[in-house]
């Protein structure tokens, strides 16, 4: 990778990538889908093993501009705070997990980045809460790239609480349909072994380029 010209400004909250060579965590599933949610394979995949599928006639190893990537996770009780809802810090972890799984399905291993002594780092993150997640809820994290340059990539994450017929039967009408509970934007840069900013890996950049909108 080639170093960027000029001085790097702003703090970097560096995050070592999680291993992505293993399947998604138990209770998760992943899939590609059109923004409208139509097309074959839009239903949930196996919730225990985790699967990744894509809808539409997209080129393998890349994203089309009208596609998004979704990962579904089951809320764990240890993620709840004293008020009985998922703690606000957990949503950032959900977003990171979805980003990493998306890159893994494109053939880019964050584990390999870490083995080289390099890293992916967030320089900026903005988050807005519009709802809450509780015990036994399922959350779907939809990831879309909104801006991509050779130096940085901005991801949009929308987190949805899935419908729950059991809660509707208990009288909670808000669970009739899937509802958005969180939206966030994260700007990610690549760092070399000296933790200096470098250009995004050429293969990853080529894979992600079609998704920038």
N, C-alpha and C. Protein backbone atom coordinates (compact mmCIF):
# COMPACT_ATOMS: atom_id res chain seq x y z
N UNK A 1 0.84 -1.19 0.00
CA UNK A 1 0.00 0.00 0.00
C UNK A 1 0.88 1.25 0.00
N UNK A 2 0.44 2.31 -0.64
CA UNK A 2 1.21 3.53 -0.79
C UNK A 2 0.74 4.58 0.20
N UNK A 3 1.70 5.26 0.82
CA UNK A 3 1.34 6.24 1.85
C UNK A 3 0.67 7.45 1.22
N UNK A 4 -0.20 8.09 1.98
CA UNK A 4 -0.87 9.30 1.53
C UNK A 4 0.06 10.49 1.66
N UNK A 5 -0.07 11.44 0.73
CA UNK A 5 0.70 12.66 0.82
C UNK A 5 0.03 13.61 1.80
N UNK A 6 0.82 14.47 2.46
CA UNK A 6 0.24 15.46 3.35
C UNK A 6 0.14 14.96 4.78
N UNK A 7 -0.23 15.86 5.65
CA UNK A 7 -0.32 15.56 7.08
C UNK A 7 -1.70 15.03 7.43
N UNK A 8 -1.74 14.06 8.30
CA UNK A 8 -3.02 13.49 8.73
C UNK A 8 -3.54 14.30 9.91
N UNK A 9 -4.79 14.74 9.81
CA UNK A 9 -5.39 15.57 10.84
C UNK A 9 -6.44 14.79 11.61
N UNK A 10 -6.59 15.10 12.89
CA UNK A 10 -7.68 14.54 13.68
C UNK A 10 -7.28 13.28 14.41
N UNK A 11 -7.93 12.98 15.50
CA UNK A 11 -7.64 11.78 16.28
C UNK A 11 -8.11 10.53 15.58
N UNK A 12 -7.43 9.45 15.83
CA UNK A 12 -7.81 8.16 15.26
C UNK A 12 -8.14 7.21 16.39
N UNK A 13 -9.37 6.70 16.39
CA UNK A 13 -9.77 5.68 17.36
C UNK A 13 -9.51 4.34 16.72
N UNK A 14 -8.33 3.78 16.94
CA UNK A 14 -7.92 2.58 16.23
C UNK A 14 -8.62 1.35 16.79
N UNK A 15 -9.05 0.47 15.87
CA UNK A 15 -9.73 -0.76 16.26
C UNK A 15 -9.04 -1.93 15.59
N UNK A 16 -8.54 -2.86 16.37
CA UNK A 16 -8.02 -4.08 15.78
C UNK A 16 -9.17 -4.92 15.26
N UNK A 17 -9.01 -5.44 14.07
CA UNK A 17 -10.10 -6.20 13.46
C UNK A 17 -10.30 -7.52 14.18
N UNK A 18 -11.57 -7.95 14.27
CA UNK A 18 -11.88 -9.27 14.80
C UNK A 18 -11.57 -10.32 13.73
N UNK A 19 -11.36 -11.54 14.15
CA UNK A 19 -11.16 -12.63 13.19
C UNK A 19 -12.43 -12.84 12.39
N UNK A 20 -12.25 -12.94 11.06
CA UNK A 20 -13.42 -13.09 10.21
C UNK A 20 -13.36 -14.39 9.42
N UNK A 21 -12.34 -15.19 9.69
CA UNK A 21 -12.27 -16.46 9.00
C UNK A 21 -13.28 -17.45 9.55
N UNK A 22 -13.82 -17.20 10.73
CA UNK A 22 -14.82 -18.08 11.33
C UNK A 22 -16.22 -17.60 10.94
N UNK A 23 -17.26 -18.43 11.08
CA UNK A 23 -18.62 -18.01 10.76
C UNK A 23 -19.09 -16.91 11.70
N UNK A 24 -20.13 -16.15 11.30
CA UNK A 24 -20.71 -15.16 12.21
C UNK A 24 -21.14 -15.81 13.52
N UNK A 25 -21.24 -14.99 14.56
CA UNK A 25 -21.57 -15.51 15.88
C UNK A 25 -22.92 -16.20 15.89
N UNK A 26 -23.09 -17.12 16.83
CA UNK A 26 -24.35 -17.83 16.96
C UNK A 26 -25.50 -16.84 17.12
N UNK A 27 -26.57 -17.11 16.42
CA UNK A 27 -27.70 -16.20 16.47
C UNK A 27 -27.64 -15.12 15.43
N UNK A 28 -26.70 -15.25 14.45
CA UNK A 28 -26.58 -14.23 13.43
C UNK A 28 -26.80 -14.82 12.05
N UNK A 29 -27.16 -13.98 11.11
CA UNK A 29 -27.25 -14.35 9.71
C UNK A 29 -26.89 -13.15 8.89
N UNK A 30 -26.41 -13.39 7.68
CA UNK A 30 -25.99 -12.28 6.84
C UNK A 30 -26.47 -12.50 5.43
N UNK A 31 -26.76 -11.43 4.73
CA UNK A 31 -27.23 -11.56 3.36
C UNK A 31 -27.09 -10.24 2.61
N UNK A 32 -27.01 -10.36 1.27
CA UNK A 32 -27.11 -9.20 0.41
C UNK A 32 -28.58 -9.02 0.05
N UNK A 33 -29.00 -7.78 -0.13
CA UNK A 33 -30.36 -7.55 -0.56
C UNK A 33 -30.44 -6.20 -1.25
N UNK A 34 -31.43 -6.08 -2.14
CA UNK A 34 -31.70 -4.78 -2.74
C UNK A 34 -32.27 -3.86 -1.68
N UNK A 35 -32.15 -2.55 -1.91
CA UNK A 35 -32.69 -1.61 -0.94
C UNK A 35 -34.18 -1.81 -0.73
N UNK A 36 -34.88 -2.18 -1.79
CA UNK A 36 -36.32 -2.35 -1.66
C UNK A 36 -36.66 -3.64 -0.93
N UNK A 37 -35.67 -4.56 -0.77
CA UNK A 37 -35.90 -5.81 -0.06
C UNK A 37 -36.52 -6.88 -0.93
N UNK A 38 -36.67 -6.62 -2.24
CA UNK A 38 -37.28 -7.60 -3.11
C UNK A 38 -36.22 -8.53 -3.67
N UNK A 39 -36.70 -9.57 -4.33
CA UNK A 39 -35.79 -10.48 -4.98
C UNK A 39 -35.63 -11.76 -4.21
N UNK A 40 -35.14 -12.82 -4.87
CA UNK A 40 -34.98 -14.10 -4.21
C UNK A 40 -33.92 -14.04 -3.13
N UNK A 41 -34.10 -14.87 -2.12
CA UNK A 41 -33.11 -14.96 -1.06
C UNK A 41 -33.21 -13.86 -0.03
N UNK A 42 -34.31 -13.09 -0.05
CA UNK A 42 -34.43 -11.98 0.88
C UNK A 42 -34.83 -12.42 2.28
N UNK A 43 -35.27 -13.66 2.42
CA UNK A 43 -35.67 -14.16 3.73
C UNK A 43 -34.48 -14.45 4.60
N UNK A 44 -34.69 -14.66 5.89
CA UNK A 44 -33.58 -14.90 6.80
C UNK A 44 -32.90 -16.22 6.51
N UNK A 45 -31.60 -16.26 6.72
CA UNK A 45 -30.85 -17.49 6.55
C UNK A 45 -30.75 -18.19 7.89
N UNK A 46 -30.03 -19.31 7.89
CA UNK A 46 -29.92 -20.09 9.12
C UNK A 46 -29.38 -19.24 10.25
N UNK A 47 -30.10 -19.19 11.34
CA UNK A 47 -29.77 -18.25 12.42
C UNK A 47 -28.58 -18.72 13.24
N UNK A 48 -28.24 -20.00 13.19
CA UNK A 48 -27.15 -20.48 14.03
C UNK A 48 -25.82 -20.40 13.29
N UNK A 49 -25.75 -20.90 12.06
CA UNK A 49 -24.48 -20.95 11.36
C UNK A 49 -24.12 -19.60 10.74
N UNK A 50 -25.11 -18.88 10.22
CA UNK A 50 -24.82 -17.62 9.55
C UNK A 50 -24.48 -17.86 8.09
N UNK A 51 -25.14 -17.17 7.19
CA UNK A 51 -24.89 -17.32 5.77
C UNK A 51 -24.88 -15.96 5.12
N UNK A 52 -24.22 -15.86 3.96
CA UNK A 52 -24.19 -14.63 3.19
C UNK A 52 -24.69 -14.93 1.79
N UNK A 53 -25.70 -14.21 1.36
CA UNK A 53 -26.20 -14.36 0.01
C UNK A 53 -26.40 -12.99 -0.59
N UNK A 54 -26.48 -12.93 -1.91
CA UNK A 54 -26.64 -11.66 -2.58
C UNK A 54 -27.80 -11.76 -3.54
N UNK A 55 -28.54 -10.67 -3.68
CA UNK A 55 -29.65 -10.60 -4.62
C UNK A 55 -29.27 -9.75 -5.81
N UNK A 56 -29.84 -10.07 -6.95
CA UNK A 56 -29.61 -9.27 -8.14
C UNK A 56 -28.40 -9.76 -8.91
N UNK A 57 -28.23 -9.22 -10.11
CA UNK A 57 -27.15 -9.64 -11.00
C UNK A 57 -25.95 -8.74 -10.81
N UNK A 58 -25.30 -8.83 -9.70
CA UNK A 58 -24.12 -8.02 -9.41
C UNK A 58 -22.86 -8.79 -9.76
N UNK A 59 -21.79 -8.07 -10.06
CA UNK A 59 -20.52 -8.71 -10.36
C UNK A 59 -19.94 -9.31 -9.10
N UNK A 60 -19.50 -10.58 -9.13
CA UNK A 60 -18.92 -11.18 -7.93
C UNK A 60 -17.76 -10.34 -7.40
N UNK A 61 -17.70 -10.20 -6.09
CA UNK A 61 -16.63 -9.45 -5.48
C UNK A 61 -16.83 -7.95 -5.49
N UNK A 62 -18.02 -7.49 -5.79
CA UNK A 62 -18.28 -6.06 -5.77
C UNK A 62 -19.72 -5.82 -5.36
N UNK A 63 -20.04 -4.55 -5.09
CA UNK A 63 -21.39 -4.19 -4.72
C UNK A 63 -21.98 -3.30 -5.80
N UNK A 64 -23.23 -3.51 -6.16
CA UNK A 64 -23.92 -2.59 -7.04
C UNK A 64 -24.50 -1.46 -6.22
N UNK A 65 -24.74 -0.31 -6.87
CA UNK A 65 -25.15 0.88 -6.13
C UNK A 65 -26.50 0.75 -5.46
N UNK A 66 -27.35 -0.18 -5.94
CA UNK A 66 -28.68 -0.32 -5.33
C UNK A 66 -28.74 -1.49 -4.37
N UNK A 67 -27.57 -1.99 -3.93
CA UNK A 67 -27.53 -3.10 -2.99
C UNK A 67 -27.08 -2.65 -1.61
N UNK A 68 -27.50 -3.38 -0.61
CA UNK A 68 -27.00 -3.19 0.74
C UNK A 68 -26.71 -4.56 1.32
N UNK A 69 -25.90 -4.59 2.35
CA UNK A 69 -25.55 -5.84 3.00
C UNK A 69 -26.18 -5.87 4.38
N UNK A 70 -26.79 -6.98 4.74
CA UNK A 70 -27.49 -7.08 6.02
C UNK A 70 -26.97 -8.24 6.86
N UNK A 71 -26.82 -7.99 8.14
CA UNK A 71 -26.47 -9.00 9.12
C UNK A 71 -27.53 -8.97 10.22
N UNK A 72 -28.04 -10.13 10.61
CA UNK A 72 -29.03 -10.21 11.68
C UNK A 72 -28.42 -10.87 12.91
N UNK A 73 -28.68 -10.29 14.07
CA UNK A 73 -28.13 -10.77 15.33
C UNK A 73 -29.21 -10.86 16.39
N UNK A 74 -29.05 -11.81 17.29
CA UNK A 74 -29.95 -11.92 18.44
C UNK A 74 -29.36 -11.13 19.60
N UNK A 75 -30.17 -10.30 20.24
CA UNK A 75 -29.72 -9.53 21.40
C UNK A 75 -29.36 -10.48 22.53
N UNK A 76 -28.20 -10.25 23.16
CA UNK A 76 -27.78 -11.04 24.31
C UNK A 76 -28.14 -10.29 25.59
N UNK A 77 -28.49 -11.02 26.62
CA UNK A 77 -28.90 -10.37 27.86
C UNK A 77 -27.79 -9.54 28.50
N UNK A 78 -26.53 -9.95 28.30
CA UNK A 78 -25.44 -9.18 28.91
C UNK A 78 -25.22 -7.84 28.22
N UNK A 79 -25.90 -7.61 27.08
CA UNK A 79 -25.79 -6.33 26.39
C UNK A 79 -26.77 -5.28 26.94
N UNK A 80 -27.64 -5.71 27.85
CA UNK A 80 -28.63 -4.80 28.41
C UNK A 80 -28.04 -3.96 29.54
N UNK A 81 -28.58 -2.75 29.72
CA UNK A 81 -28.16 -1.93 30.85
C UNK A 81 -29.18 -2.02 31.98
N UNK A 82 -29.04 -1.17 32.99
CA UNK A 82 -29.92 -1.26 34.15
C UNK A 82 -31.36 -0.88 33.85
N UNK A 83 -31.58 -0.30 32.66
CA UNK A 83 -32.94 0.08 32.27
C UNK A 83 -33.62 -0.99 31.41
N UNK A 84 -32.93 -2.12 31.19
CA UNK A 84 -33.53 -3.22 30.46
C UNK A 84 -33.47 -3.10 28.95
N UNK A 85 -32.65 -2.18 28.44
CA UNK A 85 -32.49 -2.02 26.99
C UNK A 85 -31.02 -2.20 26.63
N UNK A 86 -30.75 -2.44 25.35
CA UNK A 86 -29.37 -2.59 24.90
C UNK A 86 -28.61 -1.29 25.15
N UNK A 87 -27.45 -1.38 25.79
CA UNK A 87 -26.65 -0.21 26.10
C UNK A 87 -26.23 0.50 24.81
N UNK A 88 -26.16 1.83 24.86
CA UNK A 88 -25.88 2.59 23.64
C UNK A 88 -24.53 2.25 23.02
N UNK A 89 -23.55 1.83 23.81
CA UNK A 89 -22.24 1.49 23.25
C UNK A 89 -22.29 0.23 22.39
N UNK A 90 -23.24 -0.63 22.64
CA UNK A 90 -23.32 -1.91 21.93
C UNK A 90 -23.64 -1.70 20.46
N UNK A 91 -24.37 -0.65 20.13
CA UNK A 91 -24.76 -0.41 18.74
C UNK A 91 -23.54 -0.19 17.85
N UNK A 92 -22.51 0.45 18.39
CA UNK A 92 -21.27 0.64 17.62
C UNK A 92 -20.62 -0.71 17.33
N UNK A 93 -20.70 -1.64 18.29
CA UNK A 93 -20.18 -2.98 18.06
C UNK A 93 -20.96 -3.73 17.01
N UNK A 94 -22.28 -3.59 17.02
CA UNK A 94 -23.10 -4.21 15.98
C UNK A 94 -22.68 -3.69 14.60
N UNK A 95 -22.49 -2.37 14.50
CA UNK A 95 -22.12 -1.76 13.22
C UNK A 95 -20.76 -2.27 12.75
N UNK A 96 -19.79 -2.36 13.65
CA UNK A 96 -18.47 -2.86 13.29
C UNK A 96 -18.55 -4.30 12.80
N UNK A 97 -19.30 -5.13 13.50
CA UNK A 97 -19.44 -6.53 13.11
C UNK A 97 -20.01 -6.63 11.69
N UNK A 98 -21.03 -5.84 11.39
CA UNK A 98 -21.64 -5.88 10.07
C UNK A 98 -20.66 -5.44 8.99
N UNK A 99 -19.87 -4.39 9.26
CA UNK A 99 -18.86 -3.94 8.29
C UNK A 99 -17.86 -5.04 7.99
N UNK A 100 -17.37 -5.69 9.04
CA UNK A 100 -16.35 -6.71 8.86
C UNK A 100 -16.88 -7.93 8.12
N UNK A 101 -18.10 -8.34 8.43
CA UNK A 101 -18.68 -9.48 7.71
C UNK A 101 -18.90 -9.12 6.25
N UNK A 102 -19.32 -7.89 5.97
CA UNK A 102 -19.50 -7.45 4.59
C UNK A 102 -18.19 -7.56 3.82
N UNK A 103 -17.10 -7.07 4.40
CA UNK A 103 -15.81 -7.13 3.72
C UNK A 103 -15.35 -8.57 3.54
N UNK A 104 -15.64 -9.42 4.52
CA UNK A 104 -15.26 -10.83 4.41
C UNK A 104 -15.97 -11.50 3.25
N UNK A 105 -17.24 -11.17 3.01
CA UNK A 105 -17.97 -11.78 1.90
C UNK A 105 -17.44 -11.31 0.55
N UNK A 106 -16.72 -10.19 0.54
CA UNK A 106 -16.10 -9.70 -0.68
C UNK A 106 -14.70 -10.27 -0.86
N UNK A 107 -14.29 -11.15 0.05
CA UNK A 107 -12.99 -11.79 -0.07
C UNK A 107 -11.86 -11.03 0.59
N UNK A 108 -12.18 -10.02 1.42
CA UNK A 108 -11.16 -9.23 2.10
C UNK A 108 -11.12 -9.60 3.57
N UNK A 109 -9.99 -10.11 4.03
CA UNK A 109 -9.88 -10.59 5.40
C UNK A 109 -9.29 -9.52 6.32
N UNK A 110 -10.08 -9.06 7.28
CA UNK A 110 -9.56 -8.13 8.28
C UNK A 110 -8.52 -8.82 9.16
N UNK A 111 -8.63 -10.13 9.30
CA UNK A 111 -7.65 -10.89 10.07
C UNK A 111 -6.28 -10.80 9.42
N UNK A 112 -6.26 -10.85 8.09
CA UNK A 112 -4.99 -10.74 7.36
C UNK A 112 -4.38 -9.35 7.56
N UNK A 113 -5.22 -8.32 7.59
CA UNK A 113 -4.73 -6.96 7.85
C UNK A 113 -4.03 -6.92 9.21
N UNK A 114 -4.65 -7.50 10.22
CA UNK A 114 -4.07 -7.50 11.57
C UNK A 114 -2.78 -8.30 11.62
N UNK A 115 -2.71 -9.43 10.89
CA UNK A 115 -1.48 -10.24 10.89
C UNK A 115 -0.31 -9.48 10.29
N UNK A 116 -0.59 -8.57 9.37
CA UNK A 116 0.48 -7.76 8.78
C UNK A 116 0.91 -6.62 9.70
N UNK A 117 0.25 -6.49 10.83
CA UNK A 117 0.57 -5.40 11.74
C UNK A 117 -0.09 -4.10 11.37
N UNK A 118 -1.04 -4.17 10.43
CA UNK A 118 -1.76 -2.98 9.99
C UNK A 118 -3.13 -2.93 10.67
N UNK A 119 -3.90 -1.91 10.38
CA UNK A 119 -5.19 -1.77 11.05
C UNK A 119 -6.16 -0.95 10.21
N UNK A 120 -7.43 -1.11 10.52
CA UNK A 120 -8.48 -0.22 10.03
C UNK A 120 -8.91 0.64 11.21
N UNK A 121 -9.08 1.92 10.98
CA UNK A 121 -9.37 2.84 12.08
C UNK A 121 -10.53 3.75 11.74
N UNK A 122 -11.33 4.07 12.74
CA UNK A 122 -12.43 5.02 12.58
C UNK A 122 -11.92 6.41 12.96
N UNK A 123 -12.09 7.36 12.05
CA UNK A 123 -11.70 8.74 12.33
C UNK A 123 -12.89 9.58 12.78
N UNK A 124 -14.09 9.13 12.45
CA UNK A 124 -15.28 9.89 12.81
C UNK A 124 -16.48 8.94 12.83
N UNK A 125 -17.37 9.13 13.80
CA UNK A 125 -18.59 8.33 13.86
C UNK A 125 -19.72 9.18 14.41
N UNK A 126 -20.84 9.15 13.71
CA UNK A 126 -22.04 9.88 14.10
C UNK A 126 -23.18 8.89 14.28
N UNK A 127 -23.93 9.01 15.36
CA UNK A 127 -24.96 8.03 15.67
C UNK A 127 -26.23 8.71 16.16
N UNK A 128 -27.37 8.20 15.68
CA UNK A 128 -28.67 8.72 16.09
C UNK A 128 -29.56 7.56 16.52
N UNK A 129 -30.20 7.70 17.68
CA UNK A 129 -31.09 6.67 18.21
C UNK A 129 -32.54 7.07 18.00
N UNK A 130 -33.33 6.14 17.49
CA UNK A 130 -34.76 6.39 17.28
C UNK A 130 -35.63 5.34 17.96
N UNK A 131 -35.02 4.41 18.66
CA UNK A 131 -35.76 3.36 19.35
C UNK A 131 -34.84 2.58 20.25
N UNK A 132 -35.31 1.45 20.74
CA UNK A 132 -34.52 0.64 21.68
C UNK A 132 -34.68 -0.84 21.36
N UNK A 133 -33.65 -1.60 21.74
CA UNK A 133 -33.67 -3.06 21.63
C UNK A 133 -33.72 -3.65 23.03
N UNK A 134 -34.45 -4.76 23.16
CA UNK A 134 -34.61 -5.40 24.46
C UNK A 134 -34.28 -6.89 24.35
N UNK A 135 -34.33 -7.56 25.47
CA UNK A 135 -34.02 -8.99 25.53
C UNK A 135 -34.88 -9.76 24.54
N UNK A 136 -34.26 -10.70 23.84
CA UNK A 136 -34.89 -11.60 22.86
C UNK A 136 -35.24 -10.90 21.55
N UNK A 137 -34.92 -9.62 21.40
CA UNK A 137 -35.12 -8.96 20.11
C UNK A 137 -34.09 -9.46 19.11
N UNK A 138 -34.44 -9.37 17.84
CA UNK A 138 -33.50 -9.60 16.75
C UNK A 138 -33.25 -8.27 16.06
N UNK A 139 -31.98 -7.96 15.81
CA UNK A 139 -31.62 -6.71 15.15
C UNK A 139 -31.00 -7.02 13.80
N UNK A 140 -31.44 -6.30 12.78
CA UNK A 140 -30.86 -6.42 11.44
C UNK A 140 -30.05 -5.15 11.17
N UNK A 141 -28.76 -5.33 10.87
CA UNK A 141 -27.89 -4.20 10.58
C UNK A 141 -27.65 -4.15 9.08
N UNK A 142 -28.13 -3.09 8.43
CA UNK A 142 -27.97 -2.91 6.99
C UNK A 142 -26.84 -1.92 6.74
N UNK A 143 -25.85 -2.33 5.96
CA UNK A 143 -24.67 -1.52 5.71
C UNK A 143 -24.65 -1.05 4.26
N UNK A 144 -24.32 0.21 4.07
CA UNK A 144 -24.21 0.78 2.72
C UNK A 144 -23.06 1.77 2.72
N UNK A 145 -22.26 1.77 1.66
CA UNK A 145 -21.19 2.75 1.52
C UNK A 145 -21.78 4.02 0.91
N UNK A 146 -21.54 5.15 1.57
CA UNK A 146 -22.06 6.42 1.07
C UNK A 146 -20.99 7.29 0.43
N UNK A 147 -19.72 7.02 0.76
CA UNK A 147 -18.63 7.78 0.16
C UNK A 147 -17.37 6.93 0.16
N UNK A 148 -16.64 6.95 -0.96
CA UNK A 148 -15.43 6.15 -1.07
C UNK A 148 -14.38 6.93 -1.85
N UNK A 149 -13.21 7.10 -1.26
CA UNK A 149 -12.06 7.69 -1.93
C UNK A 149 -10.87 6.76 -1.69
N UNK A 150 -9.77 6.95 -2.39
CA UNK A 150 -8.60 6.10 -2.13
C UNK A 150 -8.09 6.19 -0.71
N UNK A 151 -8.46 7.26 0.01
CA UNK A 151 -7.94 7.47 1.36
C UNK A 151 -8.88 7.01 2.46
N UNK A 152 -10.20 7.03 2.20
CA UNK A 152 -11.15 6.73 3.27
C UNK A 152 -12.47 6.24 2.71
N UNK A 153 -13.24 5.60 3.58
CA UNK A 153 -14.54 5.05 3.20
C UNK A 153 -15.54 5.38 4.30
N UNK A 154 -16.71 5.89 3.91
CA UNK A 154 -17.76 6.19 4.87
C UNK A 154 -18.88 5.17 4.73
N UNK A 155 -19.21 4.52 5.84
CA UNK A 155 -20.27 3.51 5.88
C UNK A 155 -21.49 4.08 6.59
N UNK A 156 -22.66 3.76 6.05
CA UNK A 156 -23.91 4.05 6.75
C UNK A 156 -24.45 2.74 7.29
N UNK A 157 -24.85 2.74 8.56
CA UNK A 157 -25.44 1.55 9.19
C UNK A 157 -26.84 1.91 9.66
N UNK A 158 -27.80 1.12 9.27
CA UNK A 158 -29.17 1.27 9.78
C UNK A 158 -29.53 -0.01 10.52
N UNK A 159 -29.91 0.13 11.78
CA UNK A 159 -30.21 -1.03 12.61
C UNK A 159 -31.71 -1.09 12.86
N UNK A 160 -32.27 -2.25 12.54
CA UNK A 160 -33.72 -2.44 12.59
C UNK A 160 -34.08 -3.49 13.64
N UNK A 161 -35.11 -3.21 14.41
CA UNK A 161 -35.66 -4.22 15.32
C UNK A 161 -36.69 -5.03 14.55
N UNK A 162 -36.53 -6.34 14.55
CA UNK A 162 -37.42 -7.22 13.80
C UNK A 162 -38.80 -7.31 14.45
N UNK A 163 -39.79 -7.62 13.63
CA UNK A 163 -41.15 -7.84 14.14
C UNK A 163 -41.16 -9.07 15.05
N UNK A 164 -42.03 -9.05 16.06
CA UNK A 164 -42.16 -10.18 16.98
C UNK A 164 -43.63 -10.45 17.26
N UNK A 165 -44.20 -11.48 16.63
CA UNK A 165 -45.60 -11.83 16.87
C UNK A 165 -45.91 -12.10 18.34
N UNK A 166 -44.91 -12.66 19.08
CA UNK A 166 -45.17 -12.95 20.49
C UNK A 166 -45.40 -11.69 21.30
N UNK A 167 -44.70 -10.61 20.94
CA UNK A 167 -44.90 -9.35 21.65
C UNK A 167 -46.23 -8.70 21.27
N UNK A 168 -46.63 -8.89 20.01
CA UNK A 168 -47.93 -8.36 19.58
C UNK A 168 -49.05 -9.06 20.35
N UNK A 169 -48.89 -10.38 20.56
CA UNK A 169 -49.89 -11.13 21.32
C UNK A 169 -49.98 -10.65 22.76
N UNK A 170 -48.88 -10.11 23.26
CA UNK A 170 -48.87 -9.58 24.63
C UNK A 170 -49.42 -8.16 24.70
N UNK A 171 -49.78 -7.62 23.53
CA UNK A 171 -50.39 -6.29 23.50
C UNK A 171 -49.49 -5.15 23.06
N UNK A 172 -48.23 -5.46 22.66
CA UNK A 172 -47.33 -4.40 22.20
C UNK A 172 -47.41 -4.28 20.69
N UNK A 173 -48.20 -3.33 20.21
CA UNK A 173 -48.44 -3.17 18.78
C UNK A 173 -47.22 -2.65 18.03
N UNK A 174 -46.23 -2.11 18.74
CA UNK A 174 -45.04 -1.57 18.06
C UNK A 174 -44.20 -2.67 17.42
N UNK A 175 -44.47 -3.92 17.79
CA UNK A 175 -43.71 -5.04 17.24
C UNK A 175 -44.38 -5.66 16.01
N UNK A 176 -45.39 -5.01 15.46
CA UNK A 176 -46.08 -5.58 14.30
C UNK A 176 -45.17 -5.63 13.07
N UNK A 177 -44.33 -4.63 12.90
CA UNK A 177 -43.46 -4.55 11.74
C UNK A 177 -42.03 -4.23 12.17
N UNK A 178 -41.10 -4.42 11.25
CA UNK A 178 -39.72 -4.05 11.50
C UNK A 178 -39.61 -2.53 11.59
N UNK A 179 -38.88 -2.04 12.59
CA UNK A 179 -38.72 -0.59 12.77
C UNK A 179 -37.24 -0.26 12.96
N UNK A 180 -36.84 0.90 12.47
CA UNK A 180 -35.45 1.34 12.63
C UNK A 180 -35.26 1.89 14.04
N UNK A 181 -34.15 1.51 14.67
CA UNK A 181 -33.87 1.97 16.02
C UNK A 181 -32.57 2.78 16.10
N UNK A 182 -31.75 2.70 15.07
CA UNK A 182 -30.46 3.38 15.12
C UNK A 182 -29.93 3.60 13.70
N UNK A 183 -29.33 4.76 13.48
CA UNK A 183 -28.62 5.03 12.23
C UNK A 183 -27.29 5.67 12.58
N UNK A 184 -26.23 5.20 11.92
CA UNK A 184 -24.91 5.76 12.20
C UNK A 184 -24.09 5.84 10.92
N UNK A 185 -23.11 6.74 10.93
CA UNK A 185 -22.16 6.89 9.83
C UNK A 185 -20.76 6.81 10.42
N UNK A 186 -19.91 6.01 9.80
CA UNK A 186 -18.54 5.85 10.28
C UNK A 186 -17.57 6.02 9.12
N UNK A 187 -16.54 6.84 9.33
CA UNK A 187 -15.49 7.03 8.33
C UNK A 187 -14.28 6.20 8.74
N UNK A 188 -13.84 5.33 7.83
CA UNK A 188 -12.78 4.37 8.12
C UNK A 188 -11.57 4.66 7.22
N UNK A 189 -10.38 4.61 7.80
CA UNK A 189 -9.14 4.73 7.04
C UNK A 189 -8.27 3.52 7.32
N UNK A 190 -7.28 3.30 6.46
CA UNK A 190 -6.31 2.22 6.65
C UNK A 190 -5.04 2.80 7.25
N UNK A 191 -4.42 2.03 8.15
CA UNK A 191 -3.16 2.44 8.78
C UNK A 191 -2.11 1.37 8.54
N UNK A 192 -0.86 1.80 8.31
CA UNK A 192 0.21 0.83 8.14
C UNK A 192 0.75 0.38 9.49
N UNK A 193 1.84 -0.37 9.48
CA UNK A 193 2.37 -0.92 10.73
C UNK A 193 2.90 0.16 11.67
N UNK A 194 3.17 1.36 11.13
CA UNK A 194 3.59 2.48 11.96
C UNK A 194 2.40 3.34 12.38
N UNK A 195 1.21 2.86 12.09
CA UNK A 195 -0.05 3.55 12.40
C UNK A 195 -0.12 4.92 11.72
N UNK A 196 0.38 4.95 10.49
CA UNK A 196 0.24 6.13 9.65
C UNK A 196 -0.78 5.83 8.55
N UNK A 197 -1.56 6.82 8.12
CA UNK A 197 -2.59 6.57 7.11
C UNK A 197 -1.99 6.20 5.77
N UNK A 198 -2.60 5.24 5.12
CA UNK A 198 -2.19 4.77 3.80
C UNK A 198 -3.42 4.66 2.92
N UNK A 199 -3.20 4.42 1.65
CA UNK A 199 -4.32 4.21 0.75
C UNK A 199 -5.01 2.90 1.07
N UNK A 200 -6.31 2.87 0.83
CA UNK A 200 -7.08 1.64 1.02
C UNK A 200 -6.54 0.57 0.08
N UNK A 201 -6.45 -0.65 0.57
CA UNK A 201 -5.98 -1.77 -0.24
C UNK A 201 -6.65 -1.76 -1.61
N UNK A 202 -5.86 -1.91 -2.66
CA UNK A 202 -6.37 -1.77 -4.03
C UNK A 202 -7.48 -2.76 -4.34
N UNK A 203 -7.33 -4.01 -3.90
CA UNK A 203 -8.35 -5.02 -4.18
C UNK A 203 -9.65 -4.69 -3.45
N UNK A 204 -9.55 -4.27 -2.19
CA UNK A 204 -10.75 -3.90 -1.45
C UNK A 204 -11.41 -2.68 -2.08
N UNK A 205 -10.61 -1.70 -2.48
CA UNK A 205 -11.16 -0.50 -3.10
C UNK A 205 -11.93 -0.86 -4.36
N UNK A 206 -11.37 -1.76 -5.18
CA UNK A 206 -12.04 -2.16 -6.41
C UNK A 206 -13.36 -2.86 -6.11
N UNK A 207 -13.39 -3.67 -5.04
CA UNK A 207 -14.61 -4.39 -4.69
C UNK A 207 -15.70 -3.46 -4.18
N UNK A 208 -15.30 -2.43 -3.45
CA UNK A 208 -16.28 -1.53 -2.83
C UNK A 208 -16.70 -0.38 -3.72
N UNK A 209 -15.94 -0.11 -4.77
CA UNK A 209 -16.15 1.09 -5.57
C UNK A 209 -17.56 1.17 -6.15
N UNK A 210 -18.11 0.04 -6.58
CA UNK A 210 -19.42 0.06 -7.20
C UNK A 210 -20.55 0.41 -6.25
N UNK A 211 -20.28 0.37 -4.94
CA UNK A 211 -21.34 0.63 -3.96
C UNK A 211 -21.42 2.07 -3.52
N UNK A 212 -20.38 2.86 -3.77
CA UNK A 212 -20.38 4.25 -3.32
C UNK A 212 -21.47 5.02 -4.04
N UNK A 213 -22.26 5.82 -3.28
CA UNK A 213 -23.36 6.56 -3.88
C UNK A 213 -23.41 7.97 -3.34
